[in-house]
Protein backbone atom coordinates (compact mmCIF):
# COMPACT_ATOMS: atom_id res chain seq x y z
CA UNK A 1 -13.82 -28.25 3.87
CA UNK A 2 -16.45 -30.66 5.09
CA UNK A 3 -14.56 -33.69 3.76
CA UNK A 4 -11.05 -32.43 4.54
CA UNK A 5 -9.89 -33.67 1.14
CA UNK A 6 -7.91 -31.77 -1.48
CA UNK A 7 -10.02 -30.36 -4.30
CA UNK A 8 -8.34 -30.99 -7.65
CA UNK A 9 -10.95 -29.96 -10.21
CA UNK A 10 -10.54 -26.68 -12.08
CA UNK A 11 -13.96 -25.44 -10.96
CA UNK A 12 -12.84 -25.32 -7.33
CA UNK A 13 -9.59 -23.54 -8.27
CA UNK A 14 -11.60 -20.45 -9.31
CA UNK A 15 -12.96 -19.71 -5.83
CA UNK A 16 -13.11 -16.00 -5.03
CA UNK A 17 -11.49 -15.38 -1.65
CA UNK A 18 -12.13 -12.47 0.70
CA UNK A 19 -8.48 -11.42 0.37
CA UNK A 20 -5.61 -12.12 -2.01
CA UNK A 21 -2.34 -11.78 -0.15
CA UNK A 22 -0.31 -14.56 -1.70
CA UNK A 23 2.30 -13.60 -4.31
CA UNK A 24 1.65 -16.87 -6.14
CA UNK A 25 -1.52 -17.82 -7.97
CA UNK A 26 -3.34 -17.79 -11.26
CA UNK A 27 -4.49 -14.19 -10.82
CA UNK A 28 -1.01 -12.95 -9.82
CA UNK A 29 1.16 -14.10 -12.72
CA UNK A 30 1.67 -10.54 -14.03
CA UNK A 31 2.96 -8.95 -10.83
CA UNK A 32 6.57 -9.93 -11.44
CA UNK A 33 8.74 -7.13 -12.93
CA UNK A 34 10.82 -7.71 -16.04
CA UNK A 35 14.04 -9.56 -15.20
CA UNK A 36 12.65 -10.62 -11.83
CA UNK A 37 14.25 -13.66 -10.26
CA UNK A 38 11.10 -14.64 -8.34
CA UNK A 39 12.20 -13.08 -5.05
CA UNK A 40 11.57 -9.42 -5.92
CA UNK A 41 7.96 -9.25 -4.71
CA UNK A 42 7.79 -9.44 -0.92
CA UNK A 43 4.05 -8.99 -0.35
CA UNK A 44 0.77 -8.24 -2.12
CA UNK A 45 -2.68 -7.03 -1.18
CA UNK A 46 -5.77 -6.39 -3.24
CA UNK A 47 -8.62 -3.94 -3.46
CA UNK A 48 -11.25 -6.09 -5.15
CA UNK A 49 -13.80 -3.24 -5.34
CA UNK A 50 -11.45 -1.11 -7.45
CA UNK A 51 -9.84 -4.03 -9.29
CA UNK A 52 -6.34 -3.27 -8.02
CA UNK A 53 -3.40 -5.22 -6.63
CA UNK A 54 -0.49 -3.61 -4.79
CA UNK A 55 2.97 -5.15 -4.49
CA UNK A 56 5.81 -4.46 -2.06
CA UNK A 57 9.05 -4.87 -3.99
CA UNK A 58 12.78 -5.16 -3.40
CA UNK A 59 13.49 -2.93 -6.39
CA UNK A 60 14.28 0.72 -5.52
CA UNK A 61 11.79 0.88 -2.64
CA UNK A 62 8.86 0.47 -5.00
CA UNK A 63 5.17 0.16 -4.32
CA UNK A 64 3.50 -1.03 -7.52
CA UNK A 65 -0.19 -0.73 -8.41
CA UNK A 66 -1.55 -3.08 -11.08
CA UNK A 67 -4.95 -4.14 -12.34
CA UNK A 68 -6.51 -7.17 -10.64
CA UNK A 69 -6.71 -9.87 -11.81
CA UNK A 70 -3.11 -9.49 -12.94
CA UNK A 71 -2.46 -12.18 -15.50
CA UNK A 72 0.06 -12.34 -18.30
CA UNK A 73 3.77 -11.66 -18.10
CA UNK A 74 5.09 -8.34 -16.80
CA UNK A 75 1.79 -6.46 -16.59
CA UNK A 76 1.91 -2.65 -16.78
CA UNK A 77 2.14 -0.96 -13.39
CA UNK A 78 2.02 2.44 -11.80
CA UNK A 79 5.11 2.79 -9.61
CA UNK A 80 5.31 4.83 -6.41
CA UNK A 81 8.48 5.41 -4.41
CA UNK A 82 9.31 6.84 -1.03
CA UNK A 83 11.18 4.14 0.83
CA UNK A 84 14.97 4.34 0.69
CA UNK A 85 15.33 0.55 0.47
CA UNK A 86 13.19 -2.52 -0.14
CA UNK A 87 9.52 -2.58 0.86
CA UNK A 88 8.70 -5.49 3.15
CA UNK A 89 4.91 -5.40 3.37
CA UNK A 90 1.81 -3.76 1.93
CA UNK A 91 -1.80 -3.65 3.12
CA UNK A 92 -4.99 -2.02 1.88
CA UNK A 93 -7.14 -0.63 4.69
CA UNK A 94 -10.61 -2.07 5.35
CA UNK A 95 -12.36 0.85 3.60
CA UNK A 96 -10.15 0.44 0.50
CA UNK A 97 -9.11 4.09 0.52
CA UNK A 98 -5.47 3.80 1.58
CA UNK A 99 -2.41 1.60 1.23
CA UNK A 100 0.14 1.20 4.03
CA UNK A 101 3.69 0.04 3.33
CA UNK A 102 6.44 -1.04 5.72
CA UNK A 103 10.04 -0.45 4.72
CA UNK A 104 12.94 -2.76 5.33
CA UNK A 105 16.23 -1.05 6.12
CA UNK A 106 14.67 2.41 6.42
CA UNK A 107 12.25 1.18 9.11
CA UNK A 108 9.54 3.56 7.94
CA UNK A 109 5.79 3.17 7.50
CA UNK A 110 4.14 5.08 4.67
CA UNK A 111 0.50 5.82 3.91
CA UNK A 112 -0.69 6.25 0.32
CA UNK A 113 -4.13 7.47 -0.79
CA UNK A 114 -5.90 5.37 -3.43
CA UNK A 115 -7.08 7.86 -6.06
CA UNK A 116 -8.63 7.29 -9.48
CA UNK A 117 -6.02 6.56 -12.14
CA UNK A 118 -6.04 9.38 -14.69
CA UNK A 119 -3.12 8.34 -16.89
CA UNK A 120 -1.63 5.25 -18.45
CA UNK A 121 0.82 3.22 -16.37
CA UNK A 122 4.35 4.61 -16.39
CA UNK A 123 5.79 1.21 -17.20
CA UNK A 124 4.63 -1.31 -19.75
CA UNK A 125 6.13 -4.25 -21.55
CA UNK A 126 5.08 -6.03 -24.70
CA UNK A 127 6.08 -9.60 -25.41
C-alpha cells in the first residue's frame, strides 16, 4: 500500500492472503447453503494447506467443511453438528489440526479434529 490508492485491476484482486476470514469474496461464493438469505453464515476460516474452508452457520448449529477455494453456487459440504443453536464463530488453530467453534445461545465452545476426508460430502446440489 505504498501509494495508498485503491487497486482496481483484476490482477491485484487475485492476491493470496495469509488468512481468509471474510464470508464475502470471489473464493467464497459457494459457502452459502441452498435457500440461504445471505445472513446464514456467521463466520469462516480456512486451512490453506489442506484446501478447506469451515463455516459457522445459523442453521441447526452446523459447522460446515467445504473445499477451498469454494466457488460456484451451493458447493457440497460435510456437515458437523453439536451446538444446540446457531454457531457464532469458527477458527482453525495455527497448526491446522483442529477447528474451534463458539455457540450462540448454548454458550459452548467445541473442538473438532481435522481428519482426512474418506467419503463424499453428505450434502450436494446440482444446478
